[in-house]
Amino acid sequence: MTLYQIKKLNLEDYYKCSNIWEMEKKLKMAKMIYEELVSGTRITFIY
């Protein structure tokens, strides 16, 4: 059985999200999410 973890996304790892969704095609949304992570109004978890 493979073990998985749920972790809070660190700001320095945000660029890794481009492996999940095409950040280059949705720059406005990518910038908005990044700014929300910086300000603390968004918390993102990774699996």
PDB file of N, CA and C in Angstrom:
ATOM      1  N   MET A   1       0.847  -1.181   0.000  1.00  0.00           N
ATOM      2  CA  MET A   1       0.000   0.000   0.000  1.00  0.00           C
ATOM      3  C   MET A   1       0.893   1.245   0.000  1.00  0.00           C
ATOM      4  N   THR A   2       0.601   2.148  -0.878  1.00  0.00           N
ATOM      5  CA  THR A   2       1.333   3.403  -0.959  1.00  0.00           C
ATOM      6  C   THR A   2       0.766   4.388   0.039  1.00  0.00           C
ATOM      7  N   LEU A   3       1.642   5.076   0.745  1.00  0.00           N
ATOM      8  CA  LEU A   3       1.209   6.091   1.695  1.00  0.00           C
ATOM      9  C   LEU A   3       1.252   7.460   1.025  1.00  0.00           C
ATOM     10  N   TYR A   4       0.242   8.238   1.259  1.00  0.00           N
ATOM     11  CA  TYR A   4       0.161   9.589   0.722  1.00  0.00           C
ATOM     12  C   TYR A   4       0.042  10.570   1.868  1.00  0.00           C
ATOM     13  N   GLN A   5       0.424  11.801   1.616  1.00  0.00           N
ATOM     14  CA  GLN A   5       0.332  12.846   2.629  1.00  0.00           C
ATOM     15  C   GLN A   5      -0.389  14.051   2.045  1.00  0.00           C
ATOM     16  N   ILE A   6      -1.070  14.758   2.909  1.00  0.00           N
ATOM     17  CA  ILE A   6      -1.669  16.041   2.542  1.00  0.00           C
ATOM     18  C   ILE A   6      -0.841  17.098   3.254  1.00  0.00           C
ATOM     19  N   LYS A   7      -0.278  18.020   2.463  1.00  0.00           N
ATOM     20  CA  LYS A   7       0.592  19.054   3.013  1.00  0.00           C
ATOM     21  C   LYS A   7       0.135  20.421   2.540  1.00  0.00           C
ATOM     22  N   LYS A   8       0.399  21.405   3.367  1.00  0.00           N
ATOM     23  CA  LYS A   8       0.133  22.789   2.994  1.00  0.00           C
ATOM     24  C   LYS A   8       1.160  23.201   1.940  1.00  0.00           C
ATOM     25  N   LEU A   9       0.702  23.843   0.873  1.00  0.00           N
ATOM     26  CA  LEU A   9       1.589  24.300  -0.192  1.00  0.00           C
ATOM     27  C   LEU A   9       2.413  25.477   0.308  1.00  0.00           C
ATOM     28  N   ASN A  10       3.723  25.335   0.239  1.00  0.00           N
ATOM     29  CA  ASN A  10       4.614  26.439   0.594  1.00  0.00           C
ATOM     30  C   ASN A  10       4.722  27.392  -0.583  1.00  0.00           C
ATOM     31  N   LEU A  11       4.841  28.653  -0.295  1.00  0.00           N
ATOM     32  CA  LEU A  11       4.900  29.672  -1.340  1.00  0.00           C
ATOM     33  C   LEU A  11       6.031  29.399  -2.331  1.00  0.00           C
ATOM     34  N   GLU A  12       7.166  28.929  -1.827  1.00  0.00           N
ATOM     35  CA  GLU A  12       8.299  28.673  -2.726  1.00  0.00           C
ATOM     36  C   GLU A  12       8.045  27.482  -3.660  1.00  0.00           C
ATOM     37  N   ASP A  13       7.029  26.684  -3.368  1.00  0.00           N
ATOM     38  CA  ASP A  13       6.684  25.546  -4.227  1.00  0.00           C
ATOM     39  C   ASP A  13       5.510  25.838  -5.167  1.00  0.00           C
ATOM     40  N   TYR A  14       5.030  27.055  -5.167  1.00  0.00           N
ATOM     41  CA  TYR A  14       3.872  27.408  -5.978  1.00  0.00           C
ATOM     42  C   TYR A  14       4.084  27.110  -7.461  1.00  0.00           C
ATOM     43  N   TYR A  15       5.300  27.332  -7.943  1.00  0.00           N
ATOM     44  CA  TYR A  15       5.587  27.104  -9.368  1.00  0.00           C
ATOM     45  C   TYR A  15       5.321  25.656  -9.779  1.00  0.00           C
ATOM     46  N   LYS A  16       5.362  24.729  -8.827  1.00  0.00           N
ATOM     47  CA  LYS A  16       5.114  23.323  -9.133  1.00  0.00           C
ATOM     48  C   LYS A  16       3.669  23.081  -9.578  1.00  0.00           C
ATOM     49  N   CYS A  17       2.791  24.019  -9.302  1.00  0.00           N
ATOM     50  CA  CYS A  17       1.394  23.888  -9.727  1.00  0.00           C
ATOM     51  C   CYS A  17       1.279  23.832 -11.252  1.00  0.00           C
ATOM     52  N   SER A  18       2.295  24.318 -11.940  1.00  0.00           N
ATOM     53  CA  SER A  18       2.246  24.279 -13.403  1.00  0.00           C
ATOM     54  C   SER A  18       2.251  22.843 -13.921  1.00  0.00           C
ATOM     55  N   ASN A  19       2.631  21.893 -13.086  1.00  0.00           N
ATOM     56  CA  ASN A  19       2.555  20.477 -13.456  1.00  0.00           C
ATOM     57  C   ASN A  19       1.117  19.967 -13.436  1.00  0.00           C
ATOM     58  N   ILE A  20       0.244  20.684 -12.738  1.00  0.00           N
ATOM     59  CA  ILE A  20      -1.144  20.271 -12.571  1.00  0.00           C
ATOM     60  C   ILE A  20      -2.057  21.013 -13.545  1.00  0.00           C
ATOM     61  N   TRP A  21      -1.852  22.301 -13.698  1.00  0.00           N
ATOM     62  CA  TRP A  21      -2.682  23.103 -14.608  1.00  0.00           C
ATOM     63  C   TRP A  21      -1.793  24.092 -15.347  1.00  0.00           C
ATOM     64  N   GLU A  22      -2.239  24.498 -16.513  1.00  0.00           N
ATOM     65  CA  GLU A  22      -1.446  25.345 -17.397  1.00  0.00           C
ATOM     66  C   GLU A  22      -1.475  26.796 -16.948  1.00  0.00           C
ATOM     67  N   MET A  23      -0.569  27.121 -16.041  1.00  0.00           N
ATOM     68  CA  MET A  23      -0.513  28.466 -15.482  1.00  0.00           C
ATOM     69  C   MET A  23      -0.218  29.518 -16.548  1.00  0.00           C
ATOM     70  N   GLU A  24       0.568  29.152 -17.554  1.00  0.00           N
ATOM     71  CA  GLU A  24       0.938  30.115 -18.601  1.00  0.00           C
ATOM     72  C   GLU A  24      -0.285  30.572 -19.393  1.00  0.00           C
ATOM     73  N   LYS A  25      -1.267  29.693 -19.551  1.00  0.00           N
ATOM     74  CA  LYS A  25      -2.476  30.038 -20.306  1.00  0.00           C
ATOM     75  C   LYS A  25      -3.480  30.798 -19.465  1.00  0.00           C
ATOM     76  N   LYS A  26      -3.330  30.731 -18.145  1.00  0.00           N
ATOM     77  CA  LYS A  26      -4.249  31.414 -17.235  1.00  0.00           C
ATOM     78  C   LYS A  26      -3.440  32.295 -16.281  1.00  0.00           C
ATOM     79  N   LEU A  27      -2.669  33.209 -16.869  1.00  0.00           N
ATOM     80  CA  LEU A  27      -1.772  34.046 -16.083  1.00  0.00           C
ATOM     81  C   LEU A  27      -2.504  34.900 -15.056  1.00  0.00           C
ATOM     82  N   LYS A  28      -3.666  35.426 -15.439  1.00  0.00           N
ATOM     83  CA  LYS A  28      -4.420  36.280 -14.519  1.00  0.00           C
ATOM     84  C   LYS A  28      -4.827  35.485 -13.275  1.00  0.00           C
ATOM     85  N   MET A  29      -5.316  34.271 -13.481  1.00  0.00           N
ATOM     86  CA  MET A  29      -5.731  33.445 -12.356  1.00  0.00           C
ATOM     87  C   MET A  29      -4.509  33.015 -11.530  1.00  0.00           C
ATOM     88  N   ALA A  30      -3.415  32.658 -12.185  1.00  0.00           N
ATOM     89  CA  ALA A  30      -2.198  32.255 -11.486  1.00  0.00           C
ATOM     90  C   ALA A  30      -1.672  33.386 -10.609  1.00  0.00           C
ATOM     91  N   LYS A  31      -1.704  34.604 -11.125  1.00  0.00           N
ATOM     92  CA  LYS A  31      -1.240  35.763 -10.356  1.00  0.00           C
ATOM     93  C   LYS A  31      -2.165  36.019  -9.176  1.00  0.00           C
ATOM     94  N   MET A  32      -3.478  35.905  -9.396  1.00  0.00           N
ATOM     95  CA  MET A  32      -4.439  36.130  -8.327  1.00  0.00           C
ATOM     96  C   MET A  32      -4.224  35.120  -7.188  1.00  0.00           C
ATOM     97  N   ILE A  33      -4.061  33.854  -7.549  1.00  0.00           N
ATOM     98  CA  ILE A  33      -3.866  32.820  -6.533  1.00  0.00           C
ATOM     99  C   ILE A  33      -2.561  33.053  -5.782  1.00  0.00           C
ATOM    100  N   TYR A  34      -1.501  33.408  -6.493  1.00  0.00           N
ATOM    101  CA  TYR A  34      -0.212  33.682  -5.858  1.00  0.00           C
ATOM    102  C   TYR A  34      -0.343  34.833  -4.862  1.00  0.00           C
ATOM    103  N   GLU A  35      -0.996  35.906  -5.277  1.00  0.00           N
ATOM    104  CA  GLU A  35      -1.172  37.062  -4.389  1.00  0.00           C
ATOM    105  C   GLU A  35      -1.999  36.692  -3.157  1.00  0.00           C
ATOM    106  N   GLU A  36      -2.994  35.829  -3.328  1.00  0.00           N
ATOM    107  CA  GLU A  36      -3.796  35.381  -2.194  1.00  0.00           C
ATOM    108  C   GLU A  36      -2.967  34.518  -1.244  1.00  0.00           C
ATOM    109  N   LEU A  37      -2.079  33.704  -1.782  1.00  0.00           N
ATOM    110  CA  LEU A  37      -1.185  32.912  -0.931  1.00  0.00           C
ATOM    111  C   LEU A  37      -0.247  33.820  -0.142  1.00  0.00           C
ATOM    112  N   VAL A  38       0.288  34.847  -0.799  1.00  0.00           N
ATOM    113  CA  VAL A  38       1.196  35.786  -0.144  1.00  0.00           C
ATOM    114  C   VAL A  38       0.475  36.534   0.975  1.00  0.00           C
ATOM    115  N   SER A  39      -0.751  36.978   0.714  1.00  0.00           N
ATOM    116  CA  SER A  39      -1.481  37.775   1.701  1.00  0.00           C
ATOM    117  C   SER A  39      -2.076  36.928   2.826  1.00  0.00           C
ATOM    118  N   GLY A  40      -2.150  35.615   2.605  1.00  0.00           N
ATOM    119  CA  GLY A  40      -2.705  34.739   3.624  1.00  0.00           C
ATOM    120  C   GLY A  40      -4.201  34.535   3.518  1.00  0.00           C
ATOM    121  N   THR A  41      -4.828  35.049   2.456  1.00  0.00           N
ATOM    122  CA  THR A  41      -6.267  34.863   2.288  1.00  0.00           C
ATOM    123  C   THR A  41      -6.604  33.538   1.615  1.00  0.00           C
ATOM    124  N   ARG A  42      -5.573  32.820   1.178  1.00  0.00           N
ATOM    125  CA  ARG A  42      -5.774  31.502   0.560  1.00  0.00           C
ATOM    126  C   ARG A  42      -4.774  30.532   1.179  1.00  0.00           C
ATOM    127  N   ILE A  43      -5.249  29.354   1.499  1.00  0.00           N
ATOM    128  CA  ILE A  43      -4.396  28.265   1.934  1.00  0.00           C
ATOM    129  C   ILE A  43      -4.644  27.110   0.977  1.00  0.00           C
ATOM    130  N   THR A  44      -3.594  26.582   0.393  1.00  0.00           N
ATOM    131  CA  THR A  44      -3.733  25.493  -0.572  1.00  0.00           C
ATOM    132  C   THR A  44      -3.013  24.266  -0.043  1.00  0.00           C
ATOM    133  N   PHE A  45      -3.657  23.134  -0.201  1.00  0.00           N
ATOM    134  CA  PHE A  45      -3.062  21.876   0.218  1.00  0.00           C
ATOM    135  C   PHE A  45      -2.772  21.019  -0.994  1.00  0.00           C
ATOM    136  N   ILE A  46      -1.705  20.235  -0.897  1.00  0.00           N
ATOM    137  CA  ILE A  46      -1.319  19.332  -1.973  1.00  0.00           C
ATOM    138  C   ILE A  46      -1.371  17.899  -1.462  1.00  0.00           C
ATOM    139  N   TYR A  47      -1.615  16.976  -2.367  1.00  0.00           N
ATOM    140  CA  TYR A  47      -1.756  15.567  -2.017  1.00  0.00           C
ATOM    141  C   TYR A  47      -0.684  14.765  -2.673  1.00  0.00           C
TER     142      TYR A  47
END
